[in-house]
Amino acid sequence: MHSEIAISTESPKVFFNDGRLVTTSQAIADYFDKQHKHVLAKIDALDCSPEFSSANFSADVQLVGVGNGAERESRCYLITKDGFMFLVMGFTGKKAARLKEAYIAKFNAMEAELYKRSPAATLQGNYAVITYFENGLPVACHPLMPGEVIMNPDSCLEHVIRSGYVVMPCDEAEKFTLGEIQKMIAIARRARDRWIQP
């Protein structure tokens, strides 16, 4: 089921489909005042890899009116934000130019933020950036400082264990004898020593 949401008037409408935010080739055609068949032809002629294409352009069908209340199925694509940017970077016209300028301006702002926050790390070229996108456009970034990492619960637990900590639920801890806990500590030390040795 497509639940449309209008995020910005500066881009086509997007909706969730199978947990991903997508737009359609028809929405892109409407937004850029192009005929849908021309947008389809552009997608069909893209020089991206098959992996990129299959990840970002999904063939679909839509119902279109043919007069007197009749409808027929017409081919279209569901397109991710990455597919959207790849496609429209080749478009021309005022709307495409504004979109490209906004994209460039946001990346310039991200670069300036990187230099401002950590000039030494930036000059070395060893840094990571989290970029937040809305409707296919970068809207914010957060450079990761040296030593700063992004983790999910599983990777966090693995990091803690590699650091030599014994991790267990508190309700389970009371079930172990002192000797069993000492064995766990020895195992944790060996694991930590394997990871910290060069």
C-alpha atoms as a PDB file:
ATOM      1  CA  MET A   1       0.000   0.000   0.000  1.00  0.00           C
ATOM      2  CA  HIS A   2       1.349   3.401  -0.961  1.00  0.00           C
ATOM      3  CA  SER A   3       1.014   6.098   1.671  1.00  0.00           C
ATOM      4  CA  GLU A   4       2.058   9.350   0.040  1.00  0.00           C
ATOM      5  CA  ILE A   5       3.733  12.075   2.021  1.00  0.00           C
ATOM      6  CA  ALA A   6       4.676  15.475   0.693  1.00  0.00           C
ATOM      7  CA  ILE A   7       8.022  16.371   2.208  1.00  0.00           C
ATOM      8  CA  SER A   8       8.968  19.312   0.042  1.00  0.00           C
ATOM      9  CA  THR A   9       7.637  21.299  -2.858  1.00  0.00           C
ATOM     10  CA  GLU A  10      11.179  21.210  -4.256  1.00  0.00           C
ATOM     11  CA  SER A  11      11.002  17.539  -5.154  1.00  0.00           C
ATOM     12  CA  PRO A  12       8.527  14.882  -6.308  1.00  0.00           C
ATOM     13  CA  LYS A  13       6.191  13.218  -3.800  1.00  0.00           C
ATOM     14  CA  VAL A  14       7.508  10.170  -1.992  1.00  0.00           C
ATOM     15  CA  PHE A  15       5.865   7.289  -0.133  1.00  0.00           C
ATOM     16  CA  PHE A  16       6.768   4.189   1.821  1.00  0.00           C
ATOM     17  CA  ASN A  17       6.868   0.924  -0.061  1.00  0.00           C
ATOM     18  CA  ASP A  18       8.061  -2.219   1.724  1.00  0.00           C
ATOM     19  CA  GLY A  19       9.678  -0.095   4.413  1.00  0.00           C
ATOM     20  CA  ARG A  20      11.613   2.100   1.970  1.00  0.00           C
ATOM     21  CA  LEU A  21      10.976   5.666   0.965  1.00  0.00           C
ATOM     22  CA  VAL A  22      10.507   5.814  -2.819  1.00  0.00           C
ATOM     23  CA  THR A  23       9.078   7.954  -5.571  1.00  0.00           C
ATOM     24  CA  THR A  24       7.811   6.912  -8.990  1.00  0.00           C
ATOM     25  CA  SER A  25       8.900   7.595 -12.524  1.00  0.00           C
ATOM     26  CA  GLN A  26       5.480   9.219 -13.047  1.00  0.00           C
ATOM     27  CA  ALA A  27       5.974  11.565 -10.052  1.00  0.00           C
ATOM     28  CA  ILE A  28       9.376  12.544 -11.458  1.00  0.00           C
ATOM     29  CA  ALA A  29       7.851  13.167 -14.898  1.00  0.00           C
ATOM     30  CA  ASP A  30       5.099  15.307 -13.355  1.00  0.00           C
ATOM     31  CA  TYR A  31       7.516  17.291 -11.202  1.00  0.00           C
ATOM     32  CA  PHE A  32       9.957  18.029 -14.029  1.00  0.00           C
ATOM     33  CA  ASP A  33       7.193  18.655 -16.587  1.00  0.00           C
ATOM     34  CA  LYS A  34       8.379  15.774 -18.764  1.00  0.00           C
ATOM     35  CA  GLN A  35       6.424  13.111 -20.590  1.00  0.00           C
ATOM     36  CA  HIS A  36       6.464   9.869 -18.636  1.00  0.00           C
ATOM     37  CA  LYS A  37       7.644   7.895 -21.673  1.00  0.00           C
ATOM     38  CA  HIS A  38      10.748  10.121 -21.837  1.00  0.00           C
ATOM     39  CA  VAL A  39      11.558   9.495 -18.168  1.00  0.00           C
ATOM     40  CA  LEU A  40      11.128   5.756 -18.762  1.00  0.00           C
ATOM     41  CA  ALA A  41      13.495   5.965 -21.726  1.00  0.00           C
ATOM     42  CA  LYS A  42      16.081   7.800 -19.557  1.00  0.00           C
ATOM     43  CA  ILE A  43      15.856   5.088 -16.887  1.00  0.00           C
ATOM     44  CA  ASP A  44      16.150   2.326 -19.475  1.00  0.00           C
ATOM     45  CA  ALA A  45      19.274   4.006 -20.903  1.00  0.00           C
ATOM     46  CA  LEU A  46      21.105   4.653 -17.598  1.00  0.00           C
ATOM     47  CA  ASP A  47      24.733   3.525 -17.570  1.00  0.00           C
ATOM     48  CA  CYS A  48      24.696   2.339 -13.957  1.00  0.00           C
ATOM     49  CA  SER A  49      25.736  -1.135 -12.867  1.00  0.00           C
ATOM     50  CA  PRO A  50      23.131  -3.900 -12.797  1.00  0.00           C
ATOM     51  CA  GLU A  51      23.527  -4.062  -9.000  1.00  0.00           C
ATOM     52  CA  PHE A  52      22.787  -0.336  -8.592  1.00  0.00           C
ATOM     53  CA  SER A  53      19.906  -0.535 -11.037  1.00  0.00           C
ATOM     54  CA  SER A  54      18.215  -3.483  -9.342  1.00  0.00           C
ATOM     55  CA  ALA A  55      18.680  -1.932  -5.883  1.00  0.00           C
ATOM     56  CA  ASN A  56      17.254   1.475  -6.847  1.00  0.00           C
ATOM     57  CA  PHE A  57      14.829   1.021  -9.782  1.00  0.00           C
ATOM     58  CA  SER A  58      11.966  -1.477  -9.376  1.00  0.00           C
ATOM     59  CA  ALA A  59       9.636  -2.132 -12.298  1.00  0.00           C
ATOM     60  CA  ASP A  60       5.985  -1.607 -11.372  1.00  0.00           C
ATOM     61  CA  VAL A  61       2.643  -0.855 -12.988  1.00  0.00           C
ATOM     62  CA  GLN A  62       0.232   2.002 -12.433  1.00  0.00           C
ATOM     63  CA  LEU A  63      -3.347   2.592 -13.508  1.00  0.00           C
ATOM     64  CA  VAL A  64      -3.833   5.486 -15.920  1.00  0.00           C
ATOM     65  CA  GLY A  65      -7.066   6.968 -17.222  1.00  0.00           C
ATOM     66  CA  VAL A  66      -7.805   6.460 -20.904  1.00  0.00           C
ATOM     67  CA  GLY A  67     -11.064   8.400 -21.069  1.00  0.00           C
ATOM     68  CA  ASN A  68     -14.709   7.788 -20.186  1.00  0.00           C
ATOM     69  CA  GLY A  69     -13.644   6.535 -16.739  1.00  0.00           C
ATOM     70  CA  ALA A  70     -11.721   3.609 -18.208  1.00  0.00           C
ATOM     71  CA  GLU A  71      -8.256   2.737 -16.942  1.00  0.00           C
ATOM     72  CA  ARG A  72      -5.382   0.629 -18.159  1.00  0.00           C
ATOM     73  CA  GLU A  73      -2.145  -0.581 -16.646  1.00  0.00           C
ATOM     74  CA  SER A  74       1.002   1.310 -17.619  1.00  0.00           C
ATOM     75  CA  ARG A  75       4.616   0.512 -16.871  1.00  0.00           C
ATOM     76  CA  CYS A  76       6.477   2.635 -14.320  1.00  0.00           C
ATOM     77  CA  TYR A  77       9.344   2.423 -11.841  1.00  0.00           C
ATOM     78  CA  LEU A  78       9.545   2.757  -8.085  1.00  0.00           C
ATOM     79  CA  ILE A  79      12.753   4.692  -7.417  1.00  0.00           C
ATOM     80  CA  THR A  80      14.824   5.095  -4.245  1.00  0.00           C
ATOM     81  CA  LYS A  81      16.494   8.372  -3.264  1.00  0.00           C
ATOM     82  CA  ASP A  82      19.827   7.142  -4.674  1.00  0.00           C
ATOM     83  CA  GLY A  83      18.169   6.165  -7.936  1.00  0.00           C
ATOM     84  CA  PHE A  84      16.378   9.512  -8.001  1.00  0.00           C
ATOM     85  CA  MET A  85      19.637  11.463  -7.675  1.00  0.00           C
ATOM     86  CA  PHE A  86      21.419   9.286 -10.233  1.00  0.00           C
ATOM     87  CA  LEU A  87      18.593   9.843 -12.701  1.00  0.00           C
ATOM     88  CA  VAL A  88      17.968  13.554 -12.245  1.00  0.00           C
ATOM     89  CA  MET A  89      21.638  14.549 -12.279  1.00  0.00           C
ATOM     90  CA  GLY A  90      21.289  14.059 -16.037  1.00  0.00           C
ATOM     91  CA  PHE A  91      18.198  16.279 -16.323  1.00  0.00           C
ATOM     92  CA  THR A  92      18.276  19.870 -17.533  1.00  0.00           C
ATOM     93  CA  GLY A  93      15.981  22.807 -16.923  1.00  0.00           C
ATOM     94  CA  LYS A  94      15.300  25.224 -14.076  1.00  0.00           C
ATOM     95  CA  LYS A  95      13.941  22.677 -11.595  1.00  0.00           C
ATOM     96  CA  ALA A  96      16.813  20.283 -12.252  1.00  0.00           C
ATOM     97  CA  ALA A  97      19.298  23.145 -11.895  1.00  0.00           C
ATOM     98  CA  ARG A  98      17.779  24.198  -8.537  1.00  0.00           C
ATOM     99  CA  LEU A  99      17.906  20.636  -7.304  1.00  0.00           C
ATOM    100  CA  LYS A 100      21.558  20.240  -8.341  1.00  0.00           C
ATOM    101  CA  GLU A 101      22.473  23.580  -6.752  1.00  0.00           C
ATOM    102  CA  ALA A 102      20.789  22.543  -3.496  1.00  0.00           C
ATOM    103  CA  TYR A 103      22.663  19.241  -3.559  1.00  0.00           C
ATOM    104  CA  ILE A 104      26.013  20.974  -4.167  1.00  0.00           C
ATOM    105  CA  ALA A 105      25.313  23.627  -1.515  1.00  0.00           C
ATOM    106  CA  LYS A 106      24.501  20.962   1.085  1.00  0.00           C
ATOM    107  CA  PHE A 107      27.707  19.062   0.385  1.00  0.00           C
ATOM    108  CA  ASN A 108      29.717  22.296   0.530  1.00  0.00           C
ATOM    109  CA  ALA A 109      28.125  23.002   3.917  1.00  0.00           C
ATOM    110  CA  MET A 110      29.030  19.496   5.070  1.00  0.00           C
ATOM    111  CA  GLU A 111      32.636  20.001   3.955  1.00  0.00           C
ATOM    112  CA  ALA A 112      32.828  23.337   5.805  1.00  0.00           C
ATOM    113  CA  GLU A 113      31.421  21.649   8.922  1.00  0.00           C
ATOM    114  CA  LEU A 114      34.086  18.949   8.690  1.00  0.00           C
ATOM    115  CA  TYR A 115      36.902  21.513   8.515  1.00  0.00           C
ATOM    116  CA  LYS A 116      35.389  23.503  11.363  1.00  0.00           C
ATOM    117  CA  ARG A 117      34.982  20.521  13.688  1.00  0.00           C
ATOM    118  CA  SER A 118      38.166  18.606  13.071  1.00  0.00           C
ATOM    119  CA  PRO A 119      40.753  20.205  10.794  1.00  0.00           C
ATOM    120  CA  ALA A 120      43.501  17.708  11.687  1.00  0.00           C
ATOM    121  CA  ALA A 121      41.401  14.635  10.906  1.00  0.00           C
ATOM    122  CA  THR A 122      40.076  16.239   7.716  1.00  0.00           C
ATOM    123  CA  LEU A 123      43.543  17.045   6.423  1.00  0.00           C
ATOM    124  CA  GLN A 124      44.599  13.438   6.980  1.00  0.00           C
ATOM    125  CA  GLY A 125      41.530  12.272   5.080  1.00  0.00           C
ATOM    126  CA  ASN A 126      40.544   9.809   7.808  1.00  0.00           C
ATOM    127  CA  TYR A 127      37.037  10.699   8.824  1.00  0.00           C
ATOM    128  CA  ALA A 128      33.493   9.495   8.496  1.00  0.00           C
ATOM    129  CA  VAL A 129      30.296  11.461   8.073  1.00  0.00           C
ATOM    130  CA  ILE A 130      26.704  10.541   8.818  1.00  0.00           C
ATOM    131  CA  THR A 131      24.469  12.202   6.223  1.00  0.00           C
ATOM    132  CA  TYR A 132      20.727  12.583   6.735  1.00  0.00           C
ATOM    133  CA  PHE A 133      18.554  12.649   3.618  1.00  0.00           C
ATOM    134  CA  GLU A 134      15.028  13.881   3.116  1.00  0.00           C
ATOM    135  CA  ASN A 135      13.322  13.206  -0.165  1.00  0.00           C
ATOM    136  CA  GLY A 136      16.582  12.354  -1.886  1.00  0.00           C
ATOM    137  CA  LEU A 137      18.411  15.508  -0.761  1.00  0.00           C
ATOM    138  CA  PRO A 138      21.057  15.728   1.958  1.00  0.00           C
ATOM    139  CA  VAL A 139      19.657  17.933   4.724  1.00  0.00           C
ATOM    140  CA  ALA A 140      22.169  17.535   7.541  1.00  0.00           C
ATOM    141  CA  CYS A 141      25.442  15.901   8.354  1.00  0.00           C
ATOM    142  CA  HIS A 142      27.362  14.923  11.426  1.00  0.00           C
ATOM    143  CA  PRO A 143      31.095  14.290  11.129  1.00  0.00           C
ATOM    144  CA  LEU A 144      32.339  11.558  13.441  1.00  0.00           C
ATOM    145  CA  MET A 145      35.184  12.724  15.627  1.00  0.00           C
ATOM    146  CA  PRO A 146      38.313  10.542  16.058  1.00  0.00           C
ATOM    147  CA  GLY A 147      37.359   7.591  18.240  1.00  0.00           C
ATOM    148  CA  GLU A 148      33.620   8.169  17.778  1.00  0.00           C
ATOM    149  CA  VAL A 149      31.718   5.200  16.365  1.00  0.00           C
ATOM    150  CA  ILE A 150      28.151   4.333  15.456  1.00  0.00           C
ATOM    151  CA  MET A 151      26.892   1.071  16.914  1.00  0.00           C
ATOM    152  CA  ASN A 152      23.798  -1.021  17.114  1.00  0.00           C
ATOM    153  CA  PRO A 153      23.169  -3.117  20.245  1.00  0.00           C
ATOM    154  CA  ASP A 154      24.925  -6.184  18.811  1.00  0.00           C
ATOM    155  CA  SER A 155      28.060  -4.337  17.702  1.00  0.00           C
ATOM    156  CA  CYS A 156      28.114  -2.469  21.020  1.00  0.00           C
ATOM    157  CA  LEU A 157      28.023  -5.747  22.930  1.00  0.00           C
ATOM    158  CA  GLU A 158      30.806  -7.180  20.753  1.00  0.00           C
ATOM    159  CA  HIS A 159      32.937  -4.069  21.346  1.00  0.00           C
ATOM    160  CA  VAL A 160      32.433  -4.325  25.118  1.00  0.00           C
ATOM    161  CA  ILE A 161      33.345  -8.027  25.095  1.00  0.00           C
ATOM    162  CA  ARG A 162      36.454  -7.343  22.981  1.00  0.00           C
ATOM    163  CA  SER A 163      37.454  -4.725  25.555  1.00  0.00           C
ATOM    164  CA  GLY A 164      37.605  -7.435  28.193  1.00  0.00           C
ATOM    165  CA  TYR A 165      34.311  -7.014  29.997  1.00  0.00           C
ATOM    166  CA  VAL A 166      32.212  -9.908  31.199  1.00  0.00           C
ATOM    167  CA  VAL A 167      28.662  -9.204  30.086  1.00  0.00           C
ATOM    168  CA  MET A 168      25.594 -11.040  31.334  1.00  0.00           C
ATOM    169  CA  PRO A 169      22.085 -10.221  32.483  1.00  0.00           C
ATOM    170  CA  CYS A 170      21.988  -9.324  36.183  1.00  0.00           C
ATOM    171  CA  ASP A 171      19.464 -12.075  36.899  1.00  0.00           C
ATOM    172  CA  GLU A 172      21.877 -14.645  35.482  1.00  0.00           C
ATOM    173  CA  ALA A 173      24.944 -13.341  37.351  1.00  0.00           C
ATOM    174  CA  GLU A 174      23.664 -14.483  40.742  1.00  0.00           C
ATOM    175  CA  LYS A 175      23.421 -18.088  39.490  1.00  0.00           C
ATOM    176  CA  PHE A 176      27.196 -18.459  39.006  1.00  0.00           C
ATOM    177  CA  THR A 177      29.705 -19.536  41.609  1.00  0.00           C
ATOM    178  CA  LEU A 178      32.829 -17.509  42.287  1.00  0.00           C
ATOM    179  CA  GLY A 179      34.919 -20.135  40.494  1.00  0.00           C
ATOM    180  CA  GLU A 180      32.713 -19.940  37.375  1.00  0.00           C
ATOM    181  CA  ILE A 181      32.940 -16.153  37.382  1.00  0.00           C
ATOM    182  CA  GLN A 182      36.738 -16.361  37.649  1.00  0.00           C
ATOM    183  CA  LYS A 183      36.787 -18.676  34.600  1.00  0.00           C
ATOM    184  CA  MET A 184      34.665 -16.137  32.674  1.00  0.00           C
ATOM    185  CA  ILE A 185      37.085 -13.386  33.672  1.00  0.00           C
ATOM    186  CA  ALA A 186      40.030 -15.436  32.376  1.00  0.00           C
ATOM    187  CA  ILE A 187      38.218 -16.025  29.066  1.00  0.00           C
ATOM    188  CA  ALA A 188      37.401 -12.297  28.805  1.00  0.00           C
ATOM    189  CA  ARG A 189      41.061 -11.389  29.413  1.00  0.00           C
ATOM    190  CA  ARG A 190      42.238 -13.758  26.672  1.00  0.00           C
ATOM    191  CA  ALA A 191      39.652 -12.347  24.243  1.00  0.00           C
ATOM    192  CA  ARG A 192      40.689  -8.774  25.079  1.00  0.00           C
ATOM    193  CA  ASP A 193      44.396  -9.607  24.683  1.00  0.00           C
ATOM    194  CA  ARG A 194      43.768 -11.141  21.227  1.00  0.00           C
ATOM    195  CA  TRP A 195      42.089  -7.929  20.047  1.00  0.00           C
ATOM    196  CA  ILE A 196      44.552  -5.412  21.490  1.00  0.00           C
ATOM    197  CA  GLN A 197      47.720  -7.168  20.253  1.00  0.00           C
ATOM    198  CA  PRO A 198      49.092  -5.736  16.994  1.00  0.00           C
END
